[in-house]
Amino acid sequence: MTNNWKELYENEVKLHYGTWENYFAQKFKLKKPLIDLLLKNAGLSPDKPTIECGVGTGKLASLIASKGFTSYGLDVDGEMLKHARAFSNSVTPDNPVKLINADIRKLNFADKYFSLAHSGGVLEHFPDDVIVQVLGEQIRVADNVVFAVPSTYFLDDEKMNNERRIHKNDWRKLIHESGGEIFSETGYHYRPFKSRMVEQIKRPQKIFLPKANFVFEITGRS
């Protein structure tokens, strides 16, 4: 299995979206429940920055920056940081994302430095003990944490790299072990309606296709 995230994203775009422009447009539309939570939490303490832990293509960190917030993006993959920087410069040139090449398991920031720490499609790539460590770090450096992960309804043939499918109750346990308390839960689909109908025809045994992504909004337990 390849660890080249740039190649994986490029293949996904080519297969399902055609162009990067279509990819970003569709993702922003589908991820509205997640985006709404991110902007809500960023706005609770607008004097503080936000940080995306595992910034990837930079779409979410750039969206937050485009709304006037100071937005950080952290990733260990230098090639993805180049992609994120190019996207940030095109979307929000007057307030670009502050990008850092570092590991999300250790965040070199003071306690509660950020209003929000967030991620999408990141935590499912780690074993349980690392998930607890990563969430604990995000809880330490941010007032609130929002993250999205694939649900158990995410199709196996859509896996990217070593993604795990973890049940919601198990996510709740991991959040508790990290010192977190759940404030809200929601979810969203990862394919447009038309694509989901095609998948429905291919898999007629399924009465409906549930939302394929979990979203958790958490804070540290007092």
C-alpha atoms as a PDB file:
ATOM      1  CA  MET A   1       0.000   0.000   0.000  1.00  0.00           C
ATOM      2  CA  THR A   2       1.430   3.352  -1.012  1.00  0.00           C
ATOM      3  CA  ASN A   3       2.168   6.067   1.532  1.00  0.00           C
ATOM      4  CA  ASN A   4       2.301   8.749  -1.176  1.00  0.00           C
ATOM      5  CA  TRP A   5      -0.654  10.922  -0.178  1.00  0.00           C
ATOM      6  CA  LYS A   6      -0.222  13.256  -3.136  1.00  0.00           C
ATOM      7  CA  GLU A   7      -0.610  10.302  -5.517  1.00  0.00           C
ATOM      8  CA  LEU A   8      -3.610   8.944  -3.598  1.00  0.00           C
ATOM      9  CA  TYR A   9      -5.445  12.269  -3.740  1.00  0.00           C
ATOM     10  CA  GLU A  10      -4.655  12.751  -7.413  1.00  0.00           C
ATOM     11  CA  ASN A  11      -6.033   9.289  -8.203  1.00  0.00           C
ATOM     12  CA  GLU A  12      -9.215   9.983  -6.231  1.00  0.00           C
ATOM     13  CA  VAL A  13      -9.771  13.279  -8.017  1.00  0.00           C
ATOM     14  CA  LYS A  14      -9.216  11.708 -11.436  1.00  0.00           C
ATOM     15  CA  LEU A  15     -11.536   8.773 -10.697  1.00  0.00           C
ATOM     16  CA  HIS A  16     -14.447  10.568  -9.027  1.00  0.00           C
ATOM     17  CA  TYR A  17     -14.239  14.324  -9.706  1.00  0.00           C
ATOM     18  CA  GLY A  18     -12.354  14.985 -12.925  1.00  0.00           C
ATOM     19  CA  THR A  19     -10.688  18.204 -11.756  1.00  0.00           C
ATOM     20  CA  TRP A  20      -9.412  19.663  -8.511  1.00  0.00           C
ATOM     21  CA  GLU A  21     -11.928  22.487  -8.867  1.00  0.00           C
ATOM     22  CA  ASN A  22     -14.804  19.991  -8.896  1.00  0.00           C
ATOM     23  CA  TYR A  23     -13.244  18.096  -6.019  1.00  0.00           C
ATOM     24  CA  PHE A  24     -13.046  21.142  -3.734  1.00  0.00           C
ATOM     25  CA  ALA A  25     -16.513  22.393  -4.742  1.00  0.00           C
ATOM     26  CA  GLN A  26     -18.135  19.013  -3.993  1.00  0.00           C
ATOM     27  CA  LYS A  27     -16.214  18.510  -0.757  1.00  0.00           C
ATOM     28  CA  PHE A  28     -17.193  21.918   0.610  1.00  0.00           C
ATOM     29  CA  LYS A  29     -20.838  21.171  -0.208  1.00  0.00           C
ATOM     30  CA  LEU A  30     -20.848  17.684   1.297  1.00  0.00           C
ATOM     31  CA  LYS A  31     -18.914  18.713   4.401  1.00  0.00           C
ATOM     32  CA  LYS A  32     -21.289  21.525   5.378  1.00  0.00           C
ATOM     33  CA  PRO A  33     -22.151  19.932   8.784  1.00  0.00           C
ATOM     34  CA  LEU A  34     -18.429  19.763   9.565  1.00  0.00           C
ATOM     35  CA  ILE A  35     -17.700  23.241   8.207  1.00  0.00           C
ATOM     36  CA  ASP A  36     -20.539  24.756  10.242  1.00  0.00           C
ATOM     37  CA  LEU A  37     -19.035  23.307  13.435  1.00  0.00           C
ATOM     38  CA  LEU A  38     -15.549  24.529  12.541  1.00  0.00           C
ATOM     39  CA  LEU A  39     -16.675  28.095  11.913  1.00  0.00           C
ATOM     40  CA  LYS A  40     -18.876  28.103  15.015  1.00  0.00           C
ATOM     41  CA  ASN A  41     -15.977  27.043  17.235  1.00  0.00           C
ATOM     42  CA  ALA A  42     -13.489  29.378  15.540  1.00  0.00           C
ATOM     43  CA  GLY A  43     -15.893  32.235  16.243  1.00  0.00           C
ATOM     44  CA  LEU A  44     -16.186  31.487  19.962  1.00  0.00           C
ATOM     45  CA  SER A  45     -12.727  32.988  20.561  1.00  0.00           C
ATOM     46  CA  PRO A  46     -11.918  34.910  17.349  1.00  0.00           C
ATOM     47  CA  ASP A  47      -8.780  36.409  18.892  1.00  0.00           C
ATOM     48  CA  LYS A  48      -7.265  32.916  19.038  1.00  0.00           C
ATOM     49  CA  PRO A  49      -6.020  30.951  15.996  1.00  0.00           C
ATOM     50  CA  THR A  50      -7.254  27.544  14.843  1.00  0.00           C
ATOM     51  CA  ILE A  51      -5.134  24.548  13.842  1.00  0.00           C
ATOM     52  CA  GLU A  52      -5.827  21.678  11.441  1.00  0.00           C
ATOM     53  CA  CYS A  53      -3.885  18.613  12.541  1.00  0.00           C
ATOM     54  CA  GLY A  54      -3.138  16.704   9.358  1.00  0.00           C
ATOM     55  CA  VAL A  55      -3.866  19.516   6.915  1.00  0.00           C
ATOM     56  CA  GLY A  56      -3.723  17.402   3.732  1.00  0.00           C
ATOM     57  CA  THR A  57      -4.905  19.414   0.731  1.00  0.00           C
ATOM     58  CA  GLY A  58      -5.491  22.452   2.942  1.00  0.00           C
ATOM     59  CA  LYS A  59      -9.144  22.895   2.006  1.00  0.00           C
ATOM     60  CA  LEU A  60     -10.573  23.229   5.518  1.00  0.00           C
ATOM     61  CA  ALA A  61      -7.757  25.323   6.969  1.00  0.00           C
ATOM     62  CA  SER A  62      -7.967  27.625   3.930  1.00  0.00           C
ATOM     63  CA  LEU A  63     -11.723  27.967   4.248  1.00  0.00           C
ATOM     64  CA  ILE A  64     -11.358  29.055   7.870  1.00  0.00           C
ATOM     65  CA  ALA A  65      -8.629  31.540   6.911  1.00  0.00           C
ATOM     66  CA  SER A  66     -10.848  32.944   4.159  1.00  0.00           C
ATOM     67  CA  LYS A  67     -13.360  33.914   6.872  1.00  0.00           C
ATOM     68  CA  GLY A  68     -10.788  36.147   8.546  1.00  0.00           C
ATOM     69  CA  PHE A  69      -9.496  33.778  11.252  1.00  0.00           C
ATOM     70  CA  THR A  70      -5.828  33.005  11.834  1.00  0.00           C
ATOM     71  CA  SER A  71      -5.499  29.413  10.641  1.00  0.00           C
ATOM     72  CA  TYR A  72      -2.617  27.016  11.177  1.00  0.00           C
ATOM     73  CA  GLY A  73      -2.123  23.758   9.295  1.00  0.00           C
ATOM     74  CA  LEU A  74       0.206  21.001  10.407  1.00  0.00           C
ATOM     75  CA  ASP A  75       1.287  17.925   8.453  1.00  0.00           C
ATOM     76  CA  VAL A  76       4.224  15.516   8.425  1.00  0.00           C
ATOM     77  CA  ASP A  77       4.024  15.099   4.620  1.00  0.00           C
ATOM     78  CA  GLY A  78       6.054  17.787   2.886  1.00  0.00           C
ATOM     79  CA  GLU A  79       4.476  17.164  -0.524  1.00  0.00           C
ATOM     80  CA  MET A  80       0.970  17.691   0.850  1.00  0.00           C
ATOM     81  CA  LEU A  81       2.133  20.894   2.527  1.00  0.00           C
ATOM     82  CA  LYS A  82       3.202  22.191  -0.900  1.00  0.00           C
ATOM     83  CA  HIS A  83      -0.308  21.433  -2.195  1.00  0.00           C
ATOM     84  CA  ALA A  84      -1.894  23.087   0.843  1.00  0.00           C
ATOM     85  CA  ARG A  85       0.283  26.179   0.430  1.00  0.00           C
ATOM     86  CA  ALA A  86      -0.674  26.545  -3.244  1.00  0.00           C
ATOM     87  CA  PHE A  87      -4.372  26.141  -2.425  1.00  0.00           C
ATOM     88  CA  SER A  88      -4.176  28.602   0.470  1.00  0.00           C
ATOM     89  CA  ASN A  89      -2.442  31.191  -1.694  1.00  0.00           C
ATOM     90  CA  SER A  90      -5.173  30.893  -4.325  1.00  0.00           C
ATOM     91  CA  VAL A  91      -8.154  30.902  -1.959  1.00  0.00           C
ATOM     92  CA  THR A  92      -7.077  33.341   0.738  1.00  0.00           C
ATOM     93  CA  PRO A  93      -3.944  35.217  -0.450  1.00  0.00           C
ATOM     94  CA  ASP A  94      -4.418  38.086   2.011  1.00  0.00           C
ATOM     95  CA  ASN A  95      -4.614  35.743   4.998  1.00  0.00           C
ATOM     96  CA  PRO A  96      -2.750  32.536   4.089  1.00  0.00           C
ATOM     97  CA  VAL A  97      -2.700  29.454   6.288  1.00  0.00           C
ATOM     98  CA  LYS A  98       0.371  29.215   8.532  1.00  0.00           C
ATOM     99  CA  LEU A  99       1.753  25.805   7.542  1.00  0.00           C
ATOM    100  CA  ILE A 100       4.046  23.706   9.726  1.00  0.00           C
ATOM    101  CA  ASN A 101       5.900  20.485   8.882  1.00  0.00           C
ATOM    102  CA  ALA A 102       5.540  18.485  12.096  1.00  0.00           C
ATOM    103  CA  ASP A 103       4.022  15.400  13.717  1.00  0.00           C
ATOM    104  CA  ILE A 104       0.516  15.730  15.170  1.00  0.00           C
ATOM    105  CA  ARG A 105       1.413  13.467  18.096  1.00  0.00           C
ATOM    106  CA  LYS A 106       3.330  16.309  19.767  1.00  0.00           C
ATOM    107  CA  LEU A 107       2.034  19.855  19.369  1.00  0.00           C
ATOM    108  CA  ASN A 108       4.623  22.457  20.381  1.00  0.00           C
ATOM    109  CA  PHE A 109       2.150  25.058  21.560  1.00  0.00           C
ATOM    110  CA  ALA A 110       1.087  26.336  24.965  1.00  0.00           C
ATOM    111  CA  ASP A 111      -2.049  25.045  26.664  1.00  0.00           C
ATOM    112  CA  LYS A 112      -5.255  26.493  25.157  1.00  0.00           C
ATOM    113  CA  TYR A 113      -3.303  28.464  22.560  1.00  0.00           C
ATOM    114  CA  PHE A 114      -5.985  27.745  19.939  1.00  0.00           C
ATOM    115  CA  SER A 115      -9.733  28.237  19.926  1.00  0.00           C
ATOM    116  CA  LEU A 116     -10.102  25.089  17.830  1.00  0.00           C
ATOM    117  CA  ALA A 117      -8.086  22.028  16.815  1.00  0.00           C
ATOM    118  CA  HIS A 118      -9.619  20.028  13.984  1.00  0.00           C
ATOM    119  CA  SER A 119      -9.020  17.214  11.523  1.00  0.00           C
ATOM    120  CA  GLY A 120     -10.840  15.296   8.821  1.00  0.00           C
ATOM    121  CA  GLY A 121      -9.906  11.816   7.654  1.00  0.00           C
ATOM    122  CA  VAL A 122      -6.802  11.592   9.839  1.00  0.00           C
ATOM    123  CA  LEU A 123      -7.334   9.749  13.124  1.00  0.00           C
ATOM    124  CA  GLU A 124      -8.569   6.516  11.505  1.00  0.00           C
ATOM    125  CA  HIS A 125      -5.037   5.895  10.203  1.00  0.00           C
ATOM    126  CA  PHE A 126      -3.623   5.355  13.708  1.00  0.00           C
ATOM    127  CA  PRO A 127      -3.891   2.593  16.350  1.00  0.00           C
ATOM    128  CA  ASP A 128      -6.007   3.240  19.420  1.00  0.00           C
ATOM    129  CA  ASP A 129      -3.175   4.337  21.695  1.00  0.00           C
ATOM    130  CA  VAL A 130      -1.978   6.948  19.210  1.00  0.00           C
ATOM    131  CA  ILE A 131      -5.548   8.223  18.685  1.00  0.00           C
ATOM    132  CA  VAL A 132      -5.801   8.772  22.443  1.00  0.00           C
ATOM    133  CA  GLN A 133      -2.422  10.548  22.444  1.00  0.00           C
ATOM    134  CA  VAL A 134      -3.314  12.787  19.474  1.00  0.00           C
ATOM    135  CA  LEU A 135      -6.723  13.747  20.850  1.00  0.00           C
ATOM    136  CA  GLY A 136      -5.162  14.427  24.251  1.00  0.00           C
ATOM    137  CA  GLU A 137      -2.701  16.834  22.653  1.00  0.00           C
ATOM    138  CA  GLN A 138      -5.458  18.619  20.750  1.00  0.00           C
ATOM    139  CA  ILE A 139      -7.560  18.926  23.908  1.00  0.00           C
ATOM    140  CA  ARG A 140      -4.532  20.389  25.673  1.00  0.00           C
ATOM    141  CA  VAL A 141      -3.746  23.096  23.100  1.00  0.00           C
ATOM    142  CA  ALA A 142      -7.324  24.055  22.108  1.00  0.00           C
ATOM    143  CA  ASP A 143     -10.536  25.129  23.784  1.00  0.00           C
ATOM    144  CA  ASN A 144     -12.507  22.705  21.603  1.00  0.00           C
ATOM    145  CA  VAL A 145     -11.785  19.888  19.151  1.00  0.00           C
ATOM    146  CA  VAL A 146     -13.780  18.850  16.070  1.00  0.00           C
ATOM    147  CA  PHE A 147     -12.867  15.814  13.997  1.00  0.00           C
ATOM    148  CA  ALA A 148     -14.400  13.749  11.195  1.00  0.00           C
ATOM    149  CA  VAL A 149     -13.664  10.069  10.544  1.00  0.00           C
ATOM    150  CA  PRO A 150     -15.122   7.368   8.286  1.00  0.00           C
ATOM    151  CA  SER A 151     -18.073   5.540   9.769  1.00  0.00           C
ATOM    152  CA  THR A 152     -18.556   1.788   9.615  1.00  0.00           C
ATOM    153  CA  TYR A 153     -20.818   2.421   6.580  1.00  0.00           C
ATOM    154  CA  PHE A 154     -17.932   3.784   4.499  1.00  0.00           C
ATOM    155  CA  LEU A 155     -17.470   1.402   1.546  1.00  0.00           C
ATOM    156  CA  ASP A 156     -14.431  -0.851   1.812  1.00  0.00           C
ATOM    157  CA  ASP A 157     -13.453  -0.239  -1.821  1.00  0.00           C
ATOM    158  CA  GLU A 158     -13.119   3.488  -1.031  1.00  0.00           C
ATOM    159  CA  LYS A 159     -10.382   3.045   1.564  1.00  0.00           C
ATOM    160  CA  MET A 160      -7.320   5.286   1.241  1.00  0.00           C
ATOM    161  CA  ASN A 161      -4.198   3.663   2.633  1.00  0.00           C
ATOM    162  CA  ASN A 162      -4.577   2.032   6.064  1.00  0.00           C
ATOM    163  CA  GLU A 163      -7.931   3.528   7.122  1.00  0.00           C
ATOM    164  CA  ARG A 164      -9.750   1.757   9.931  1.00  0.00           C
ATOM    165  CA  ARG A 165     -13.522   1.472  10.329  1.00  0.00           C
ATOM    166  CA  ILE A 166     -14.206   2.068  14.014  1.00  0.00           C
ATOM    167  CA  HIS A 167     -17.681   1.815  15.533  1.00  0.00           C
ATOM    168  CA  LYS A 168     -19.176   4.956  17.047  1.00  0.00           C
ATOM    169  CA  ASN A 169     -19.239   3.514  20.571  1.00  0.00           C
ATOM    170  CA  ASP A 170     -15.530   2.729  20.269  1.00  0.00           C
ATOM    171  CA  TRP A 171     -14.831   6.315  19.202  1.00  0.00           C
ATOM    172  CA  ARG A 172     -16.706   7.457  22.287  1.00  0.00           C
ATOM    173  CA  LYS A 173     -14.471   5.264  24.455  1.00  0.00           C
ATOM    174  CA  LEU A 174     -11.312   6.615  22.812  1.00  0.00           C
ATOM    175  CA  ILE A 175     -12.521  10.186  23.338  1.00  0.00           C
ATOM    176  CA  HIS A 176     -13.143   9.431  27.017  1.00  0.00           C
ATOM    177  CA  GLU A 177      -9.674   7.857  27.386  1.00  0.00           C
ATOM    178  CA  SER A 178      -8.106  10.979  25.882  1.00  0.00           C
ATOM    179  CA  GLY A 179      -9.716  13.166  28.544  1.00  0.00           C
ATOM    180  CA  GLY A 180     -12.407  14.475  26.235  1.00  0.00           C
ATOM    181  CA  GLU A 181     -16.120  15.036  26.673  1.00  0.00           C
ATOM    182  CA  ILE A 182     -18.475  14.911  23.689  1.00  0.00           C
ATOM    183  CA  PHE A 183     -20.451  18.082  23.071  1.00  0.00           C
ATOM    184  CA  SER A 184     -22.177  17.024  19.841  1.00  0.00           C
ATOM    185  CA  GLU A 185     -22.206  14.323  17.159  1.00  0.00           C
ATOM    186  CA  THR A 186     -23.242  14.548  13.516  1.00  0.00           C
ATOM    187  CA  GLY A 187     -22.178  13.176  10.136  1.00  0.00           C
ATOM    188  CA  TYR A 188     -22.162  13.655   6.370  1.00  0.00           C
ATOM    189  CA  HIS A 189     -21.958  11.749   3.095  1.00  0.00           C
ATOM    190  CA  TYR A 190     -18.749  11.578   1.077  1.00  0.00           C
ATOM    191  CA  ARG A 191     -20.294  11.303  -2.396  1.00  0.00           C
ATOM    192  CA  PRO A 192     -22.879  13.538  -4.136  1.00  0.00           C
ATOM    193  CA  PHE A 193     -26.486  12.317  -4.319  1.00  0.00           C
ATOM    194  CA  LYS A 194     -26.192  11.102  -7.920  1.00  0.00           C
ATOM    195  CA  SER A 195     -23.124   9.008  -7.111  1.00  0.00           C
ATOM    196  CA  ARG A 196     -24.836   7.540  -4.061  1.00  0.00           C
ATOM    197  CA  MET A 197     -27.775   6.455  -6.225  1.00  0.00           C
ATOM    198  CA  VAL A 198     -25.377   4.669  -8.575  1.00  0.00           C
ATOM    199  CA  GLU A 199     -23.866   2.913  -5.568  1.00  0.00           C
ATOM    200  CA  GLN A 200     -27.387   2.026  -4.412  1.00  0.00           C
ATOM    201  CA  ILE A 201     -28.087   0.291  -7.739  1.00  0.00           C
ATOM    202  CA  LYS A 202     -24.813  -1.606  -7.495  1.00  0.00           C
ATOM    203  CA  ARG A 203     -25.689  -2.717  -3.969  1.00  0.00           C
ATOM    204  CA  PRO A 204     -29.468  -3.327  -4.025  1.00  0.00           C
ATOM    205  CA  GLN A 205     -29.246  -5.356  -0.830  1.00  0.00           C
ATOM    206  CA  LYS A 206     -28.845  -2.079   1.056  1.00  0.00           C
ATOM    207  CA  ILE A 207     -32.153  -0.296   1.636  1.00  0.00           C
ATOM    208  CA  PHE A 208     -30.347   2.995   2.025  1.00  0.00           C
ATOM    209  CA  LEU A 209     -26.806   4.251   2.342  1.00  0.00           C
ATOM    210  CA  PRO A 210     -26.226   5.776   5.805  1.00  0.00           C
ATOM    211  CA  LYS A 211     -23.944   8.754   6.273  1.00  0.00           C
ATOM    212  CA  ALA A 212     -20.407   7.574   5.735  1.00  0.00           C
ATOM    213  CA  ASN A 213     -18.605   9.968   8.090  1.00  0.00           C
ATOM    214  CA  PHE A 214     -18.874  10.594  11.819  1.00  0.00           C
ATOM    215  CA  VAL A 215     -18.220  14.092  13.186  1.00  0.00           C
ATOM    216  CA  PHE A 216     -17.467  14.665  16.868  1.00  0.00           C
ATOM    217  CA  GLU A 217     -17.295  17.998  18.664  1.00  0.00           C
ATOM    218  CA  ILE A 218     -15.479  17.605  21.982  1.00  0.00           C
ATOM    219  CA  THR A 219     -13.892  19.562  24.791  1.00  0.00           C
ATOM    220  CA  GLY A 220     -11.694  18.630  27.744  1.00  0.00           C
ATOM    221  CA  ARG A 221     -13.370  17.228  30.821  1.00  0.00           C
ATOM    222  CA  SER A 222     -13.264  19.665  33.724  1.00  0.00           C
END
